[in-house]
Amino acid sequence: MTSEMIYGIAILAVAVLLFVLARFGYKRQVSEILFYLVVLAEKQFGGGTGEIKFAAVTAWIYERIPIALRLLFTQQEISNLIELAVTRMKEYLAQNQKATIQVTGGN
């Protein structure tokens, strides 16, 4: 192996490591933003409007995250994270009556 090859492999390894760290580091932040957006959509559109809320949250997340970060998450991953945020919201609202009233207007 030449020194150029070793150097190239080292750069590739560092790039992959940085990508993995960035991806997992931002996943938590994106999850928190999505939780907020899911609650906002629930409050704005109400029950029985799942497709509208999903479309709104998808549009809102892409408006809020930087372009570089968008490249780290596929559309399917964003969809899965939205579903997790919906589940989290339902669990939270089931345990917190005051939040339920605030979000749903008591419905």
PDB file of N, CA and C in Angstrom:
ATOM      1  N   MET A   1       0.843  -1.187   0.000  1.00  0.00           N
ATOM      2  CA  MET A   1       0.000   0.000   0.000  1.00  0.00           C
ATOM      3  C   MET A   1       0.878   1.237   0.000  1.00  0.00           C
ATOM      4  N   THR A   2       0.474   2.158  -0.811  1.00  0.00           N
ATOM      5  CA  THR A   2       1.219   3.410  -0.857  1.00  0.00           C
ATOM      6  C   THR A   2       0.688   4.354   0.224  1.00  0.00           C
ATOM      7  N   SER A   3       1.484   5.352   0.490  1.00  0.00           N
ATOM      8  CA  SER A   3       1.064   6.312   1.514  1.00  0.00           C
ATOM      9  C   SER A   3      -0.181   7.081   1.077  1.00  0.00           C
ATOM     10  N   GLU A   4      -0.334   7.297  -0.239  1.00  0.00           N
ATOM     11  CA  GLU A   4      -1.522   7.986  -0.743  1.00  0.00           C
ATOM     12  C   GLU A   4      -2.778   7.150  -0.483  1.00  0.00           C
ATOM     13  N   MET A   5      -2.676   5.844  -0.653  1.00  0.00           N
ATOM     14  CA  MET A   5      -3.811   4.967  -0.418  1.00  0.00           C
ATOM     15  C   MET A   5      -4.187   4.963   1.063  1.00  0.00           C
ATOM     16  N   ILE A   6      -3.182   4.896   1.912  1.00  0.00           N
ATOM     17  CA  ILE A   6      -3.426   4.913   3.359  1.00  0.00           C
ATOM     18  C   ILE A   6      -4.072   6.234   3.763  1.00  0.00           C
ATOM     19  N   TYR A   7      -3.569   7.327   3.198  1.00  0.00           N
ATOM     20  CA  TYR A   7      -4.115   8.649   3.469  1.00  0.00           C
ATOM     21  C   TYR A   7      -5.575   8.716   3.001  1.00  0.00           C
ATOM     22  N   GLY A   8      -5.847   8.198   1.826  1.00  0.00           N
ATOM     23  CA  GLY A   8      -7.212   8.193   1.282  1.00  0.00           C
ATOM     24  C   GLY A   8      -8.158   7.366   2.142  1.00  0.00           C
ATOM     25  N   ILE A   9      -7.702   6.208   2.589  1.00  0.00           N
ATOM     26  CA  ILE A   9      -8.520   5.354   3.452  1.00  0.00           C
ATOM     27  C   ILE A   9      -8.789   6.055   4.781  1.00  0.00           C
ATOM     28  N   ALA A  10      -7.789   6.716   5.319  1.00  0.00           N
ATOM     29  CA  ALA A  10      -7.952   7.426   6.585  1.00  0.00           C
ATOM     30  C   ALA A  10      -8.973   8.560   6.440  1.00  0.00           C
ATOM     31  N   ILE A  11      -8.901   9.289   5.343  1.00  0.00           N
ATOM     32  CA  ILE A  11      -9.860  10.382   5.111  1.00  0.00           C
ATOM     33  C   ILE A  11     -11.273   9.823   4.974  1.00  0.00           C
ATOM     34  N   LEU A  12     -11.419   8.734   4.249  1.00  0.00           N
ATOM     35  CA  LEU A  12     -12.723   8.100   4.081  1.00  0.00           C
ATOM     36  C   LEU A  12     -13.274   7.627   5.428  1.00  0.00           C
ATOM     37  N   ALA A  13     -12.421   7.021   6.252  1.00  0.00           N
ATOM     38  CA  ALA A  13     -12.855   6.541   7.564  1.00  0.00           C
ATOM     39  C   ALA A  13     -13.315   7.695   8.447  1.00  0.00           C
ATOM     40  N   VAL A  14     -12.583   8.788   8.428  1.00  0.00           N
ATOM     41  CA  VAL A  14     -12.955   9.962   9.221  1.00  0.00           C
ATOM     42  C   VAL A  14     -14.274  10.544   8.706  1.00  0.00           C
ATOM     43  N   ALA A  15     -14.429  10.609   7.390  1.00  0.00           N
ATOM     44  CA  ALA A  15     -15.663  11.135   6.807  1.00  0.00           C
ATOM     45  C   ALA A  15     -16.861  10.283   7.208  1.00  0.00           C
ATOM     46  N   VAL A  16     -16.711   8.972   7.159  1.00  0.00           N
ATOM     47  CA  VAL A  16     -17.793   8.075   7.562  1.00  0.00           C
ATOM     48  C   VAL A  16     -18.098   8.259   9.041  1.00  0.00           C
ATOM     49  N   LEU A  17     -17.087   8.353   9.863  1.00  0.00           N
ATOM     50  CA  LEU A  17     -17.286   8.553  11.293  1.00  0.00           C
ATOM     51  C   LEU A  17     -18.023   9.865  11.566  1.00  0.00           C
ATOM     52  N   LEU A  18     -17.619  10.933  10.896  1.00  0.00           N
ATOM     53  CA  LEU A  18     -18.287  12.223  11.082  1.00  0.00           C
ATOM     54  C   LEU A  18     -19.743  12.159  10.639  1.00  0.00           C
ATOM     55  N   PHE A  19     -19.998  11.477   9.540  1.00  0.00           N
ATOM     56  CA  PHE A  19     -21.363  11.317   9.051  1.00  0.00           C
ATOM     57  C   PHE A  19     -22.227  10.589  10.081  1.00  0.00           C
ATOM     58  N   VAL A  20     -21.709   9.501  10.607  1.00  0.00           N
ATOM     59  CA  VAL A  20     -22.455   8.710  11.592  1.00  0.00           C
ATOM     60  C   VAL A  20     -22.706   9.533  12.856  1.00  0.00           C
ATOM     61  N   LEU A  21     -21.689  10.213  13.337  1.00  0.00           N
ATOM     62  CA  LEU A  21     -21.855  11.039  14.542  1.00  0.00           C
ATOM     63  C   LEU A  21     -22.854  12.166  14.316  1.00  0.00           C
ATOM     64  N   ALA A  22     -22.767  12.817  13.160  1.00  0.00           N
ATOM     65  CA  ALA A  22     -23.699  13.905  12.853  1.00  0.00           C
ATOM     66  C   ALA A  22     -25.120  13.381  12.761  1.00  0.00           C
ATOM     67  N   ARG A  23     -25.274  12.273  12.121  1.00  0.00           N
ATOM     68  CA  ARG A  23     -26.603  11.688  11.936  1.00  0.00           C
ATOM     69  C   ARG A  23     -27.244  11.345  13.279  1.00  0.00           C
ATOM     70  N   PHE A  24     -26.535  10.647  14.122  1.00  0.00           N
ATOM     71  CA  PHE A  24     -27.115  10.250  15.396  1.00  0.00           C
ATOM     72  C   PHE A  24     -27.223  11.418  16.363  1.00  0.00           C
ATOM     73  N   GLY A  25     -26.334  12.371  16.260  1.00  0.00           N
ATOM     74  CA  GLY A  25     -26.418  13.560  17.105  1.00  0.00           C
ATOM     75  C   GLY A  25     -27.620  14.420  16.769  1.00  0.00           C
ATOM     76  N   TYR A  26     -27.951  14.502  15.487  1.00  0.00           N
ATOM     77  CA  TYR A  26     -29.080  15.321  15.063  1.00  0.00           C
ATOM     78  C   TYR A  26     -30.409  14.589  15.144  1.00  0.00           C
ATOM     79  N   LYS A  27     -30.396  13.285  15.216  1.00  0.00           N
ATOM     80  CA  LYS A  27     -31.646  12.529  15.258  1.00  0.00           C
ATOM     81  C   LYS A  27     -32.481  12.938  16.465  1.00  0.00           C
ATOM     82  N   ARG A  28     -31.846  13.125  17.594  1.00  0.00           N
ATOM     83  CA  ARG A  28     -32.578  13.535  18.809  1.00  0.00           C
ATOM     84  C   ARG A  28     -33.197  14.921  18.615  1.00  0.00           C
ATOM     85  N   GLN A  29     -32.436  15.837  18.038  1.00  0.00           N
ATOM     86  CA  GLN A  29     -32.953  17.184  17.820  1.00  0.00           C
ATOM     87  C   GLN A  29     -34.128  17.169  16.840  1.00  0.00           C
ATOM     88  N   VAL A  30     -33.991  16.421  15.768  1.00  0.00           N
ATOM     89  CA  VAL A  30     -35.076  16.325  14.796  1.00  0.00           C
ATOM     90  C   VAL A  30     -36.302  15.690  15.447  1.00  0.00           C
ATOM     91  N   SER A  31     -36.098  14.696  16.288  1.00  0.00           N
ATOM     92  CA  SER A  31     -37.210  14.053  16.993  1.00  0.00           C
ATOM     93  C   SER A  31     -37.941  15.050  17.897  1.00  0.00           C
ATOM     94  N   GLU A  32     -37.197  15.907  18.579  1.00  0.00           N
ATOM     95  CA  GLU A  32     -37.813  16.907  19.454  1.00  0.00           C
ATOM     96  C   GLU A  32     -38.583  17.944  18.648  1.00  0.00           C
ATOM     97  N   ILE A  33     -38.018  18.374  17.534  1.00  0.00           N
ATOM     98  CA  ILE A  33     -38.718  19.331  16.670  1.00  0.00           C
ATOM     99  C   ILE A  33     -40.010  18.706  16.150  1.00  0.00           C
ATOM    100  N   LEU A  34     -39.937  17.444  15.742  1.00  0.00           N
ATOM    101  CA  LEU A  34     -41.125  16.763  15.229  1.00  0.00           C
ATOM    102  C   LEU A  34     -42.197  16.607  16.303  1.00  0.00           C
ATOM    103  N   PHE A  35     -41.797  16.337  17.526  1.00  0.00           N
ATOM    104  CA  PHE A  35     -42.774  16.247  18.621  1.00  0.00           C
ATOM    105  C   PHE A  35     -43.524  17.569  18.752  1.00  0.00           C
ATOM    106  N   TYR A  36     -42.799  18.651  18.752  1.00  0.00           N
ATOM    107  CA  TYR A  36     -43.419  19.979  18.826  1.00  0.00           C
ATOM    108  C   TYR A  36     -44.364  20.203  17.647  1.00  0.00           C
ATOM    109  N   LEU A  37     -43.920  19.855  16.444  1.00  0.00           N
ATOM    110  CA  LEU A  37     -44.729  20.078  15.252  1.00  0.00           C
ATOM    111  C   LEU A  37     -45.980  19.207  15.238  1.00  0.00           C
ATOM    112  N   VAL A  38     -45.873  17.989  15.730  1.00  0.00           N
ATOM    113  CA  VAL A  38     -47.028  17.095  15.804  1.00  0.00           C
ATOM    114  C   VAL A  38     -48.076  17.674  16.765  1.00  0.00           C
ATOM    115  N   VAL A  39     -47.626  18.170  17.906  1.00  0.00           N
ATOM    116  CA  VAL A  39     -48.549  18.783  18.863  1.00  0.00           C
ATOM    117  C   VAL A  39     -49.182  20.035  18.243  1.00  0.00           C
ATOM    118  N   LEU A  40     -48.389  20.828  17.565  1.00  0.00           N
ATOM    119  CA  LEU A  40     -48.893  22.027  16.895  1.00  0.00           C
ATOM    120  C   LEU A  40     -49.954  21.661  15.853  1.00  0.00           C
ATOM    121  N   ALA A  41     -49.702  20.639  15.067  1.00  0.00           N
ATOM    122  CA  ALA A  41     -50.668  20.194  14.054  1.00  0.00           C
ATOM    123  C   ALA A  41     -51.946  19.685  14.705  1.00  0.00           C
ATOM    124  N   GLU A  42     -51.814  18.954  15.792  1.00  0.00           N
ATOM    125  CA  GLU A  42     -52.999  18.449  16.512  1.00  0.00           C
ATOM    126  C   GLU A  42     -53.847  19.612  16.999  1.00  0.00           C
ATOM    127  N   LYS A  43     -53.194  20.607  17.545  1.00  0.00           N
ATOM    128  CA  LYS A  43     -53.904  21.780  18.057  1.00  0.00           C
ATOM    129  C   LYS A  43     -54.556  22.566  16.918  1.00  0.00           C
ATOM    130  N   GLN A  44     -53.844  22.699  15.805  1.00  0.00           N
ATOM    131  CA  GLN A  44     -54.334  23.509  14.695  1.00  0.00           C
ATOM    132  C   GLN A  44     -55.436  22.808  13.893  1.00  0.00           C
ATOM    133  N   PHE A  45     -55.290  21.507  13.619  1.00  0.00           N
ATOM    134  CA  PHE A  45     -56.212  20.822  12.728  1.00  0.00           C
ATOM    135  C   PHE A  45     -57.227  19.930  13.433  1.00  0.00           C
ATOM    136  N   GLY A  46     -56.951  19.536  14.682  1.00  0.00           N
ATOM    137  CA  GLY A  46     -57.884  18.712  15.434  1.00  0.00           C
ATOM    138  C   GLY A  46     -57.877  17.254  15.023  1.00  0.00           C
ATOM    139  N   GLY A  47     -58.779  16.500  15.645  1.00  0.00           N
ATOM    140  CA  GLY A  47     -58.853  15.067  15.404  1.00  0.00           C
ATOM    141  C   GLY A  47     -59.489  14.739  14.060  1.00  0.00           C
ATOM    142  N   GLY A  48     -59.202  13.539  13.565  1.00  0.00           N
ATOM    143  CA  GLY A  48     -59.795  13.067  12.320  1.00  0.00           C
ATOM    144  C   GLY A  48     -59.200  13.662  11.063  1.00  0.00           C
ATOM    145  N   THR A  49     -58.059  14.312  11.197  1.00  0.00           N
ATOM    146  CA  THR A  49     -57.431  14.953  10.035  1.00  0.00           C
ATOM    147  C   THR A  49     -55.991  14.463   9.867  1.00  0.00           C
ATOM    148  N   GLY A  50     -55.799  13.175  10.056  1.00  0.00           N
ATOM    149  CA  GLY A  50     -54.446  12.605  10.062  1.00  0.00           C
ATOM    150  C   GLY A  50     -53.613  12.917   8.838  1.00  0.00           C
ATOM    151  N   GLU A  51     -54.200  12.777   7.655  1.00  0.00           N
ATOM    152  CA  GLU A  51     -53.431  13.027   6.430  1.00  0.00           C
ATOM    153  C   GLU A  51     -53.015  14.491   6.320  1.00  0.00           C
ATOM    154  N   ILE A  52     -53.918  15.387   6.697  1.00  0.00           N
ATOM    155  CA  ILE A  52     -53.600  16.819   6.646  1.00  0.00           C
ATOM    156  C   ILE A  52     -52.486  17.145   7.634  1.00  0.00           C
ATOM    157  N   LYS A  53     -52.612  16.599   8.847  1.00  0.00           N
ATOM    158  CA  LYS A  53     -51.587  16.852   9.865  1.00  0.00           C
ATOM    159  C   LYS A  53     -50.239  16.293   9.432  1.00  0.00           C
ATOM    160  N   PHE A  54     -50.246  15.087   8.872  1.00  0.00           N
ATOM    161  CA  PHE A  54     -48.991  14.476   8.426  1.00  0.00           C
ATOM    162  C   PHE A  54     -48.334  15.332   7.343  1.00  0.00           C
ATOM    163  N   ALA A  55     -49.138  15.792   6.382  1.00  0.00           N
ATOM    164  CA  ALA A  55     -48.604  16.638   5.302  1.00  0.00           C
ATOM    165  C   ALA A  55     -48.055  17.949   5.860  1.00  0.00           C
ATOM    166  N   ALA A  56     -48.766  18.524   6.810  1.00  0.00           N
ATOM    167  CA  ALA A  56     -48.320  19.794   7.401  1.00  0.00           C
ATOM    168  C   ALA A  56     -47.015  19.609   8.153  1.00  0.00           C
ATOM    169  N   VAL A  57     -46.922  18.568   8.969  1.00  0.00           N
ATOM    170  CA  VAL A  57     -45.703  18.328   9.745  1.00  0.00           C
ATOM    171  C   VAL A  57     -44.527  18.060   8.808  1.00  0.00           C
ATOM    172  N   THR A  58     -44.762  17.293   7.761  1.00  0.00           N
ATOM    173  CA  THR A  58     -43.690  17.022   6.792  1.00  0.00           C
ATOM    174  C   THR A  58     -43.196  18.317   6.156  1.00  0.00           C
ATOM    175  N   ALA A  59     -44.116  19.169   5.737  1.00  0.00           N
ATOM    176  CA  ALA A  59     -43.717  20.450   5.136  1.00  0.00           C
ATOM    177  C   ALA A  59     -42.991  21.320   6.147  1.00  0.00           C
ATOM    178  N   TRP A  60     -43.504  21.375   7.367  1.00  0.00           N
ATOM    179  CA  TRP A  60     -42.904  22.225   8.399  1.00  0.00           C
ATOM    180  C   TRP A  60     -41.491  21.782   8.748  1.00  0.00           C
ATOM    181  N   ILE A  61     -41.262  20.469   8.831  1.00  0.00           N
ATOM    182  CA  ILE A  61     -39.917  20.013   9.213  1.00  0.00           C
ATOM    183  C   ILE A  61     -38.912  20.371   8.133  1.00  0.00           C
ATOM    184  N   TYR A  62     -39.306  20.222   6.871  1.00  0.00           N
ATOM    185  CA  TYR A  62     -38.380  20.556   5.791  1.00  0.00           C
ATOM    186  C   TYR A  62     -38.133  22.063   5.696  1.00  0.00           C
ATOM    187  N   GLU A  63     -39.063  22.868   6.185  1.00  0.00           N
ATOM    188  CA  GLU A  63     -38.851  24.316   6.234  1.00  0.00           C
ATOM    189  C   GLU A  63     -37.884  24.709   7.348  1.00  0.00           C
ATOM    190  N   ARG A  64     -37.816  23.894   8.392  1.00  0.00           N
ATOM    191  CA  ARG A  64     -37.079  24.275   9.598  1.00  0.00           C
ATOM    192  C   ARG A  64     -35.668  23.704   9.708  1.00  0.00           C
ATOM    193  N   ILE A  65     -35.407  22.587   9.072  1.00  0.00           N
ATOM    194  CA  ILE A  65     -34.070  22.012   9.219  1.00  0.00           C
ATOM    195  C   ILE A  65     -33.178  22.472   8.069  1.00  0.00           C
ATOM    196  N   PRO A  66     -31.903  22.673   8.328  1.00  0.00           N
ATOM    197  CA  PRO A  66     -30.972  23.121   7.286  1.00  0.00           C
ATOM    198  C   PRO A  66     -30.849  22.090   6.159  1.00  0.00           C
ATOM    199  N   ILE A  67     -30.502  22.575   4.986  1.00  0.00           N
ATOM    200  CA  ILE A  67     -30.371  21.707   3.812  1.00  0.00           C
ATOM    201  C   ILE A  67     -29.382  20.572   4.077  1.00  0.00           C
ATOM    202  N   ALA A  68     -28.271  20.876   4.696  1.00  0.00           N
ATOM    203  CA  ALA A  68     -27.267  19.842   4.969  1.00  0.00           C
ATOM    204  C   ALA A  68     -27.846  18.740   5.846  1.00  0.00           C
ATOM    205  N   LEU A  69     -28.690  19.106   6.778  1.00  0.00           N
ATOM    206  CA  LEU A  69     -29.301  18.122   7.666  1.00  0.00           C
ATOM    207  C   LEU A  69     -30.340  17.289   6.924  1.00  0.00           C
ATOM    208  N   ARG A  70     -31.027  17.883   5.965  1.00  0.00           N
ATOM    209  CA  ARG A  70     -32.013  17.145   5.163  1.00  0.00           C
ATOM    210  C   ARG A  70     -31.363  15.978   4.439  1.00  0.00           C
ATOM    211  N   LEU A  71     -30.116  16.137   4.076  1.00  0.00           N
ATOM    212  CA  LEU A  71     -29.408  15.082   3.351  1.00  0.00           C
ATOM    213  C   LEU A  71     -29.118  13.872   4.235  1.00  0.00           C
ATOM    214  N   LEU A  72     -29.139  14.063   5.539  1.00  0.00           N
ATOM    215  CA  LEU A  72     -28.840  12.973   6.465  1.00  0.00           C
ATOM    216  C   LEU A  72     -30.042  12.076   6.745  1.00  0.00           C
ATOM    217  N   PHE A  73     -31.240  12.536   6.403  1.00  0.00           N
ATOM    218  CA  PHE A  73     -32.452  11.785   6.696  1.00  0.00           C
ATOM    219  C   PHE A  73     -33.254  11.555   5.429  1.00  0.00           C
ATOM    220  N   THR A  74     -33.602  10.308   5.171  1.00  0.00           N
ATOM    221  CA  THR A  74     -34.443   9.998   4.020  1.00  0.00           C
ATOM    222  C   THR A  74     -35.884  10.386   4.327  1.00  0.00           C
ATOM    223  N   GLN A  75     -36.688  10.443   3.295  1.00  0.00           N
ATOM    224  CA  GLN A  75     -38.101  10.751   3.468  1.00  0.00           C
ATOM    225  C   GLN A  75     -38.768   9.691   4.347  1.00  0.00           C
ATOM    226  N   GLN A  76     -38.390   8.433   4.173  1.00  0.00           N
ATOM    227  CA  GLN A  76     -38.959   7.355   4.982  1.00  0.00           C
ATOM    228  C   GLN A  76     -38.568   7.500   6.453  1.00  0.00           C
ATOM    229  N   GLU A  77     -37.331   7.918   6.707  1.00  0.00           N
ATOM    230  CA  GLU A  77     -36.898   8.113   8.093  1.00  0.00           C
ATOM    231  C   GLU A  77     -37.669   9.257   8.749  1.00  0.00           C
ATOM    232  N   ILE A  78     -37.893  10.330   8.013  1.00  0.00           N
ATOM    233  CA  ILE A  78     -38.690  11.442   8.536  1.00  0.00           C
ATOM    234  C   ILE A  78     -40.103  10.953   8.835  1.00  0.00           C
ATOM    235  N   SER A  79     -40.665  10.166   7.929  1.00  0.00           N
ATOM    236  CA  SER A  79     -42.003   9.605   8.128  1.00  0.00           C
ATOM    237  C   SER A  79     -42.054   8.751   9.401  1.00  0.00           C
ATOM    238  N   ASN A  80     -41.055   7.901   9.586  1.00  0.00           N
ATOM    239  CA  ASN A  80     -40.993   7.065  10.794  1.00  0.00           C
ATOM    240  C   ASN A  80     -40.865   7.908  12.058  1.00  0.00           C
ATOM    241  N   LEU A  81     -40.048   8.961  11.992  1.00  0.00           N
ATOM    242  CA  LEU A  81     -39.883   9.840  13.151  1.00  0.00           C
ATOM    243  C   LEU A  81     -41.174  10.586  13.471  1.00  0.00           C
ATOM    244  N   ILE A  82     -41.942  10.944  12.443  1.00  0.00           N
ATOM    245  CA  ILE A  82     -43.237  11.592  12.674  1.00  0.00           C
ATOM    246  C   ILE A  82     -44.173  10.619  13.387  1.00  0.00           C
ATOM    247  N   GLU A  83     -44.197   9.372  12.934  1.00  0.00           N
ATOM    248  CA  GLU A  83     -45.051   8.367  13.584  1.00  0.00           C
ATOM    249  C   GLU A  83     -44.661   8.173  15.047  1.00  0.00           C
ATOM    250  N   LEU A  84     -43.365   8.165  15.326  1.00  0.00           N
ATOM    251  CA  LEU A  84     -42.911   8.063  16.714  1.00  0.00           C
ATOM    252  C   LEU A  84     -43.345   9.281  17.528  1.00  0.00           C
ATOM    253  N   ALA A  85     -43.292  10.455  16.913  1.00  0.00           N
ATOM    254  CA  ALA A  85     -43.705  11.678  17.604  1.00  0.00           C
ATOM    255  C   ALA A  85     -45.211  11.648  17.898  1.00  0.00           C
ATOM    256  N   VAL A  86     -46.000  11.102  16.975  1.00  0.00           N
ATOM    257  CA  VAL A  86     -47.445  10.977  17.198  1.00  0.00           C
ATOM    258  C   VAL A  86     -47.710  10.044  18.381  1.00  0.00           C
ATOM    259  N   THR A  87     -47.026   8.919  18.403  1.00  0.00           N
ATOM    260  CA  THR A  87     -47.176   7.980  19.519  1.00  0.00           C
ATOM    261  C   THR A  87     -46.785   8.643  20.831  1.00  0.00           C
ATOM    262  N   ARG A  88     -45.677   9.368  20.819  1.00  0.00           N
ATOM    263  CA  ARG A  88     -45.217  10.064  22.023  1.00  0.00           C
ATOM    264  C   ARG A  88     -46.243  11.089  22.481  1.00  0.00           C
ATOM    265  N   MET A  89     -46.817  11.843  21.528  1.00  0.00           N
ATOM    266  CA  MET A  89     -47.820  12.847  21.875  1.00  0.00           C
ATOM    267  C   MET A  89     -49.043  12.195  22.505  1.00  0.00           C
ATOM    268  N   LYS A  90     -49.515  11.098  21.912  1.00  0.00           N
ATOM    269  CA  LYS A  90     -50.700  10.410  22.448  1.00  0.00           C
ATOM    270  C   LYS A  90     -50.446   9.920  23.868  1.00  0.00           C
ATOM    271  N   GLU A  91     -49.267   9.373  24.110  1.00  0.00           N
ATOM    272  CA  GLU A  91     -48.918   8.912  25.455  1.00  0.00           C
ATOM    273  C   GLU A  91     -48.854  10.074  26.433  1.00  0.00           C
ATOM    274  N   TYR A  92     -48.261  11.159  25.990  1.00  0.00           N
ATOM    275  CA  TYR A  92     -48.145  12.339  26.851  1.00  0.00           C
ATOM    276  C   TYR A  92     -49.517  12.905  27.198  1.00  0.00           C
ATOM    277  N   LEU A  93     -50.364  13.039  26.192  1.00  0.00           N
ATOM    278  CA  LEU A  93     -51.691  13.597  26.419  1.00  0.00           C
ATOM    279  C   LEU A  93     -52.546  12.674  27.286  1.00  0.00           C
ATOM    280  N   ALA A  94     -52.356  11.367  27.164  1.00  0.00           N
ATOM    281  CA  ALA A  94     -53.102  10.414  27.994  1.00  0.00           C
ATOM    282  C   ALA A  94     -52.739  10.561  29.473  1.00  0.00           C
ATOM    283  N   GLN A  95     -51.539  11.029  29.748  1.00  0.00           N
ATOM    284  CA  GLN A  95     -51.057  11.156  31.120  1.00  0.00           C
ATOM    285  C   GLN A  95     -51.198  12.570  31.694  1.00  0.00           C
ATOM    286  N   ASN A  96     -51.524  13.530  30.848  1.00  0.00           N
ATOM    287  CA  ASN A  96     -51.520  14.922  31.286  1.00  0.00           C
ATOM    288  C   ASN A  96     -52.812  15.607  30.838  1.00  0.00           C
ATOM    289  N   GLN A  97     -53.781  15.652  31.733  1.00  0.00           N
ATOM    290  CA  GLN A  97     -55.088  16.220  31.412  1.00  0.00           C
ATOM    291  C   GLN A  97     -54.997  17.700  31.039  1.00  0.00           C
ATOM    292  N   LYS A  98     -54.171  18.428  31.744  1.00  0.00           N
ATOM    293  CA  LYS A  98     -54.031  19.872  31.453  1.00  0.00           C
ATOM    294  C   LYS A  98     -53.495  20.080  30.032  1.00  0.00           C
ATOM    295  N   ALA A  99     -52.513  19.291  29.643  1.00  0.00           N
ATOM    296  CA  ALA A  99     -51.971  19.389  28.282  1.00  0.00           C
ATOM    297  C   ALA A  99     -53.023  18.987  27.258  1.00  0.00           C
ATOM    298  N   THR A 100     -53.823  17.978  27.569  1.00  0.00           N
ATOM    299  CA  THR A 100     -54.874  17.541  26.662  1.00  0.00           C
ATOM    300  C   THR A 100     -55.860  18.665  26.413  1.00  0.00           C
ATOM    301  N   ILE A 101     -56.258  19.341  27.459  1.00  0.00           N
ATOM    302  CA  ILE A 101     -57.195  20.470  27.323  1.00  0.00           C
ATOM    303  C   ILE A 101     -56.560  21.572  26.496  1.00  0.00           C
ATOM    304  N   GLN A 102     -55.300  21.854  26.746  1.00  0.00           N
ATOM    305  CA  GLN A 102     -54.587  22.899  26.019  1.00  0.00           C
ATOM    306  C   GLN A 102     -54.487  22.587  24.532  1.00  0.00           C
ATOM    307  N   VAL A 103     -54.197  21.341  24.210  1.00  0.00           N
ATOM    308  CA  VAL A 103     -53.963  20.947  22.820  1.00  0.00           C
ATOM    309  C   VAL A 103     -55.278  20.728  22.076  1.00  0.00           C
ATOM    310  N   THR A 104     -56.202  20.036  22.694  1.00  0.00           N
ATOM    311  CA  THR A 104     -57.440  19.657  22.000  1.00  0.00           C
ATOM    312  C   THR A 104     -58.618  20.567  22.308  1.00  0.00           C
ATOM    313  N   GLY A 105     -58.453  21.465  23.237  1.00  0.00           N
ATOM    314  CA  GLY A 105     -59.558  22.316  23.623  1.00  0.00           C
ATOM    315  C   GLY A 105     -60.567  21.601  24.506  1.00  0.00           C
ATOM    316  N   GLY A 106     -60.141  20.455  25.064  1.00  0.00           N
ATOM    317  CA  GLY A 106     -61.008  19.697  25.958  1.00  0.00           C
ATOM    318  C   GLY A 106     -61.808  18.625  25.256  1.00  0.00           C
ATOM    319  N   ASN A 107     -61.589  18.447  23.969  1.00  0.00           N
ATOM    320  CA  ASN A 107     -62.338  17.419  23.200  1.00  0.00           C
ATOM    321  C   ASN A 107     -61.726  16.056  23.334  1.00  0.00           C
TER     322      ASN A 107
END
